[in-house]
Amino acid sequence: MQDTEYLEEGRRLNESGMLQLQEGFRELGLGWIPSKGNFICVDLGQVAAPVFQGLLREGVIVRPVANYGMPNHLRITIGLPAENSRFLEALAKVLARG
């Protein structure tokens, strides 16, 4: 871990990706659990399992966390800007379908 430039770029990408997802969640009226890691848990305000299945059908893989006592949440790994956009678009589509 001596390549500090590489590490700093990774940190910057993670930070900007986190902000991108938070803004997307805000626009969708969703809450989230603040995180300093490379993932964030979004609160869907409803049981997450159907949304998880809908995202899979859209080709988007996220992690359900009901086994951690959070049945209304999904864990999202921070990606590159295009990946985050793809996820947010798929999430909006799945939520709109109800």
N, C-alpha and C. Protein backbone atom coordinates (compact mmCIF):
# COMPACT_ATOMS: atom_id res chain seq x y z
N MET A 1 0.82 -1.19 0.00
CA MET A 1 0.00 0.00 0.00
C MET A 1 0.87 1.26 0.00
N GLN A 2 1.89 1.24 -0.79
CA GLN A 2 2.77 2.40 -0.85
C GLN A 2 2.41 3.34 -1.99
N ASP A 3 1.53 2.93 -2.86
CA ASP A 3 1.13 3.78 -3.97
C ASP A 3 0.04 4.74 -3.49
N THR A 4 0.48 5.82 -2.86
CA THR A 4 -0.48 6.74 -2.23
C THR A 4 -1.37 7.44 -3.26
N GLU A 5 -0.85 7.68 -4.48
CA GLU A 5 -1.67 8.29 -5.52
C GLU A 5 -2.86 7.40 -5.87
N TYR A 6 -2.60 6.11 -6.02
CA TYR A 6 -3.65 5.14 -6.34
C TYR A 6 -4.67 5.08 -5.21
N LEU A 7 -4.19 5.02 -3.98
CA LEU A 7 -5.09 4.97 -2.83
C LEU A 7 -5.94 6.24 -2.73
N GLU A 8 -5.32 7.38 -2.97
CA GLU A 8 -6.05 8.65 -2.90
C GLU A 8 -7.11 8.72 -4.00
N GLU A 9 -6.78 8.25 -5.20
CA GLU A 9 -7.76 8.24 -6.29
C GLU A 9 -8.94 7.33 -5.93
N GLY A 10 -8.66 6.18 -5.33
CA GLY A 10 -9.73 5.28 -4.89
C GLY A 10 -10.61 5.93 -3.84
N ARG A 11 -9.99 6.65 -2.91
CA ARG A 11 -10.75 7.34 -1.88
C ARG A 11 -11.64 8.42 -2.50
N ARG A 12 -11.09 9.17 -3.46
CA ARG A 12 -11.87 10.22 -4.13
C ARG A 12 -13.05 9.63 -4.90
N LEU A 13 -12.80 8.54 -5.62
CA LEU A 13 -13.88 7.89 -6.37
C LEU A 13 -14.97 7.39 -5.43
N ASN A 14 -14.56 6.81 -4.30
CA ASN A 14 -15.54 6.30 -3.34
C ASN A 14 -16.36 7.46 -2.76
N GLU A 15 -15.70 8.54 -2.44
CA GLU A 15 -16.39 9.70 -1.86
C GLU A 15 -17.39 10.29 -2.86
N SER A 16 -16.97 10.47 -4.10
CA SER A 16 -17.88 11.04 -5.10
C SER A 16 -19.01 10.07 -5.42
N GLY A 17 -18.72 8.77 -5.44
CA GLY A 17 -19.76 7.77 -5.67
C GLY A 17 -20.78 7.76 -4.56
N MET A 18 -20.29 7.90 -3.33
CA MET A 18 -21.19 7.95 -2.17
C MET A 18 -22.13 9.15 -2.30
N LEU A 19 -21.59 10.29 -2.66
CA LEU A 19 -22.41 11.50 -2.83
C LEU A 19 -23.43 11.32 -3.95
N GLN A 20 -23.00 10.67 -5.05
CA GLN A 20 -23.91 10.42 -6.17
C GLN A 20 -25.08 9.55 -5.73
N LEU A 21 -24.80 8.49 -4.98
CA LEU A 21 -25.88 7.61 -4.52
C LEU A 21 -26.78 8.33 -3.52
N GLN A 22 -26.19 9.08 -2.61
CA GLN A 22 -27.01 9.80 -1.63
C GLN A 22 -27.94 10.79 -2.32
N GLU A 23 -27.45 11.48 -3.32
CA GLU A 23 -28.29 12.42 -4.06
C GLU A 23 -29.42 11.68 -4.78
N GLY A 24 -29.08 10.53 -5.36
CA GLY A 24 -30.11 9.72 -6.02
C GLY A 24 -31.16 9.24 -5.05
N PHE A 25 -30.73 8.80 -3.86
CA PHE A 25 -31.68 8.35 -2.84
C PHE A 25 -32.57 9.51 -2.41
N ARG A 26 -31.96 10.68 -2.25
CA ARG A 26 -32.72 11.87 -1.85
C ARG A 26 -33.80 12.17 -2.89
N GLU A 27 -33.43 12.11 -4.17
CA GLU A 27 -34.39 12.38 -5.24
C GLU A 27 -35.52 11.36 -5.26
N LEU A 28 -35.23 10.13 -4.83
CA LEU A 28 -36.25 9.08 -4.79
C LEU A 28 -37.03 9.08 -3.47
N GLY A 29 -36.67 9.98 -2.56
CA GLY A 29 -37.35 10.05 -1.27
C GLY A 29 -36.98 8.92 -0.33
N LEU A 30 -35.78 8.38 -0.48
CA LEU A 30 -35.33 7.26 0.34
C LEU A 30 -34.30 7.70 1.37
N GLY A 31 -34.26 6.99 2.47
CA GLY A 31 -33.24 7.23 3.48
C GLY A 31 -32.09 6.26 3.32
N TRP A 32 -31.05 6.46 4.11
CA TRP A 32 -29.89 5.58 4.07
C TRP A 32 -29.17 5.65 5.40
N ILE A 33 -28.31 4.68 5.63
CA ILE A 33 -27.48 4.66 6.82
C ILE A 33 -26.13 5.27 6.44
N PRO A 34 -25.70 6.35 7.08
CA PRO A 34 -24.41 6.95 6.75
C PRO A 34 -23.28 5.91 6.84
N SER A 35 -22.33 6.03 5.93
CA SER A 35 -21.24 5.06 5.85
C SER A 35 -19.94 5.75 5.47
N LYS A 36 -18.85 5.22 5.96
CA LYS A 36 -17.51 5.69 5.57
C LYS A 36 -16.79 4.64 4.74
N GLY A 37 -17.47 3.52 4.48
CA GLY A 37 -16.86 2.42 3.73
C GLY A 37 -17.14 2.52 2.25
N ASN A 38 -17.04 1.39 1.56
CA ASN A 38 -17.27 1.36 0.12
C ASN A 38 -18.67 0.83 -0.21
N PHE A 39 -19.57 0.94 0.75
CA PHE A 39 -20.95 0.54 0.53
C PHE A 39 -21.87 1.43 1.36
N ILE A 40 -23.15 1.38 1.01
CA ILE A 40 -24.16 2.15 1.74
C ILE A 40 -25.43 1.31 1.81
N CYS A 41 -26.15 1.41 2.90
CA CYS A 41 -27.43 0.70 3.06
C CYS A 41 -28.56 1.69 2.86
N VAL A 42 -29.39 1.40 1.86
CA VAL A 42 -30.52 2.26 1.56
C VAL A 42 -31.77 1.71 2.24
N ASP A 43 -32.55 2.60 2.83
CA ASP A 43 -33.81 2.23 3.49
C ASP A 43 -34.93 2.46 2.49
N LEU A 44 -35.52 1.37 2.04
CA LEU A 44 -36.57 1.45 1.02
C LEU A 44 -37.93 1.81 1.59
N GLY A 45 -38.08 1.77 2.91
CA GLY A 45 -39.37 2.07 3.51
C GLY A 45 -40.40 0.98 3.27
N GLN A 46 -39.96 -0.15 2.81
CA GLN A 46 -40.81 -1.30 2.54
C GLN A 46 -39.92 -2.54 2.56
N VAL A 47 -40.52 -3.71 2.61
CA VAL A 47 -39.72 -4.93 2.59
C VAL A 47 -38.89 -4.94 1.30
N ALA A 48 -37.60 -5.17 1.45
CA ALA A 48 -36.66 -5.02 0.34
C ALA A 48 -36.64 -6.20 -0.63
N ALA A 49 -37.13 -7.37 -0.21
CA ALA A 49 -37.01 -8.57 -1.04
C ALA A 49 -37.59 -8.40 -2.45
N PRO A 50 -38.79 -7.83 -2.62
CA PRO A 50 -39.31 -7.66 -3.98
C PRO A 50 -38.47 -6.68 -4.81
N VAL A 51 -37.94 -5.66 -4.17
CA VAL A 51 -37.09 -4.70 -4.89
C VAL A 51 -35.80 -5.39 -5.30
N PHE A 52 -35.23 -6.19 -4.42
CA PHE A 52 -34.04 -6.97 -4.73
C PHE A 52 -34.29 -7.83 -5.96
N GLN A 53 -35.41 -8.54 -5.99
CA GLN A 53 -35.74 -9.40 -7.13
C GLN A 53 -35.93 -8.57 -8.41
N GLY A 54 -36.57 -7.42 -8.28
CA GLY A 54 -36.76 -6.55 -9.43
C GLY A 54 -35.44 -6.04 -9.98
N LEU A 55 -34.52 -5.70 -9.09
CA LEU A 55 -33.19 -5.25 -9.53
C LEU A 55 -32.45 -6.37 -10.24
N LEU A 56 -32.57 -7.59 -9.73
CA LEU A 56 -31.94 -8.73 -10.40
C LEU A 56 -32.47 -8.87 -11.82
N ARG A 57 -33.79 -8.72 -11.98
CA ARG A 57 -34.38 -8.80 -13.33
C ARG A 57 -33.86 -7.69 -14.24
N GLU A 58 -33.46 -6.58 -13.65
CA GLU A 58 -32.88 -5.47 -14.42
C GLU A 58 -31.37 -5.65 -14.64
N GLY A 59 -30.82 -6.74 -14.11
CA GLY A 59 -29.39 -7.01 -14.28
C GLY A 59 -28.51 -6.31 -13.26
N VAL A 60 -29.10 -5.88 -12.16
CA VAL A 60 -28.36 -5.16 -11.12
C VAL A 60 -28.30 -6.04 -9.87
N ILE A 61 -27.10 -6.26 -9.38
CA ILE A 61 -26.91 -7.11 -8.21
C ILE A 61 -26.56 -6.25 -7.00
N VAL A 62 -27.36 -6.37 -5.96
CA VAL A 62 -27.13 -5.71 -4.68
C VAL A 62 -27.23 -6.78 -3.60
N ARG A 63 -27.09 -6.39 -2.35
CA ARG A 63 -27.12 -7.38 -1.28
C ARG A 63 -28.27 -7.09 -0.32
N PRO A 64 -29.17 -8.06 -0.16
CA PRO A 64 -30.20 -7.90 0.86
C PRO A 64 -29.57 -8.07 2.25
N VAL A 65 -30.10 -7.38 3.23
CA VAL A 65 -29.52 -7.46 4.58
C VAL A 65 -30.58 -7.79 5.63
N ALA A 66 -31.65 -8.45 5.21
CA ALA A 66 -32.69 -8.86 6.15
C ALA A 66 -32.12 -9.78 7.23
N ASN A 67 -31.11 -10.58 6.85
CA ASN A 67 -30.50 -11.49 7.83
C ASN A 67 -29.73 -10.74 8.92
N TYR A 68 -29.53 -9.44 8.75
CA TYR A 68 -28.91 -8.60 9.78
C TYR A 68 -29.97 -7.80 10.54
N GLY A 69 -31.22 -8.18 10.37
CA GLY A 69 -32.31 -7.49 11.06
C GLY A 69 -32.76 -6.21 10.38
N MET A 70 -32.45 -6.08 9.09
CA MET A 70 -32.84 -4.88 8.34
C MET A 70 -33.63 -5.29 7.09
N PRO A 71 -34.87 -5.73 7.28
CA PRO A 71 -35.64 -6.24 6.14
C PRO A 71 -36.02 -5.19 5.10
N ASN A 72 -35.93 -3.91 5.46
CA ASN A 72 -36.30 -2.84 4.53
C ASN A 72 -35.09 -2.22 3.83
N HIS A 73 -33.92 -2.79 4.01
CA HIS A 73 -32.69 -2.21 3.48
C HIS A 73 -32.03 -3.11 2.44
N LEU A 74 -31.27 -2.47 1.56
CA LEU A 74 -30.36 -3.16 0.65
C LEU A 74 -28.99 -2.53 0.80
N ARG A 75 -27.95 -3.37 0.70
CA ARG A 75 -26.58 -2.86 0.76
C ARG A 75 -26.07 -2.69 -0.67
N ILE A 76 -25.60 -1.50 -0.96
CA ILE A 76 -25.14 -1.15 -2.30
C ILE A 76 -23.65 -0.86 -2.25
N THR A 77 -22.88 -1.53 -3.09
CA THR A 77 -21.45 -1.24 -3.20
C THR A 77 -21.28 0.01 -4.06
N ILE A 78 -20.44 0.92 -3.61
CA ILE A 78 -20.15 2.13 -4.38
C ILE A 78 -19.40 1.73 -5.64
N GLY A 79 -19.89 2.18 -6.78
CA GLY A 79 -19.24 1.85 -8.05
C GLY A 79 -18.70 3.09 -8.74
N LEU A 80 -18.36 2.90 -9.99
CA LEU A 80 -17.95 4.04 -10.83
C LEU A 80 -19.20 4.85 -11.18
N PRO A 81 -19.05 6.09 -11.61
CA PRO A 81 -20.21 6.93 -11.89
C PRO A 81 -21.25 6.28 -12.79
N ALA A 82 -20.82 5.63 -13.87
CA ALA A 82 -21.77 4.99 -14.78
C ALA A 82 -22.49 3.83 -14.11
N GLU A 83 -21.79 3.09 -13.27
CA GLU A 83 -22.41 1.97 -12.55
C GLU A 83 -23.43 2.48 -11.54
N ASN A 84 -23.10 3.54 -10.84
CA ASN A 84 -24.03 4.13 -9.88
C ASN A 84 -25.28 4.65 -10.59
N SER A 85 -25.08 5.28 -11.73
CA SER A 85 -26.22 5.79 -12.52
C SER A 85 -27.11 4.64 -12.97
N ARG A 86 -26.50 3.59 -13.45
CA ARG A 86 -27.26 2.41 -13.90
C ARG A 86 -28.09 1.84 -12.75
N PHE A 87 -27.48 1.72 -11.57
CA PHE A 87 -28.20 1.23 -10.40
C PHE A 87 -29.37 2.15 -10.06
N LEU A 88 -29.13 3.46 -10.00
CA LEU A 88 -30.19 4.40 -9.62
C LEU A 88 -31.34 4.39 -10.62
N GLU A 89 -31.03 4.27 -11.91
CA GLU A 89 -32.08 4.19 -12.93
C GLU A 89 -32.90 2.92 -12.74
N ALA A 90 -32.22 1.80 -12.51
CA ALA A 90 -32.93 0.53 -12.30
C ALA A 90 -33.77 0.58 -11.03
N LEU A 91 -33.23 1.17 -9.97
CA LEU A 91 -33.97 1.29 -8.71
C LEU A 91 -35.24 2.12 -8.91
N ALA A 92 -35.11 3.25 -9.59
CA ALA A 92 -36.28 4.10 -9.85
C ALA A 92 -37.33 3.33 -10.66
N LYS A 93 -36.89 2.57 -11.64
CA LYS A 93 -37.80 1.79 -12.47
C LYS A 93 -38.53 0.73 -11.64
N VAL A 94 -37.79 0.01 -10.82
CA VAL A 94 -38.39 -1.05 -9.99
C VAL A 94 -39.37 -0.44 -8.98
N LEU A 95 -38.98 0.65 -8.34
CA LEU A 95 -39.86 1.29 -7.36
C LEU A 95 -41.13 1.82 -8.03
N ALA A 96 -41.01 2.33 -9.24
CA ALA A 96 -42.18 2.87 -9.96
C ALA A 96 -43.17 1.77 -10.31
N ARG A 97 -42.66 0.56 -10.52
CA ARG A 97 -43.54 -0.58 -10.84
C ARG A 97 -44.32 -1.03 -9.62
N GLY A 98 -43.81 -0.65 -8.44
CA GLY A 98 -44.49 -1.04 -7.21
C GLY A 98 -44.21 -2.41 -6.86
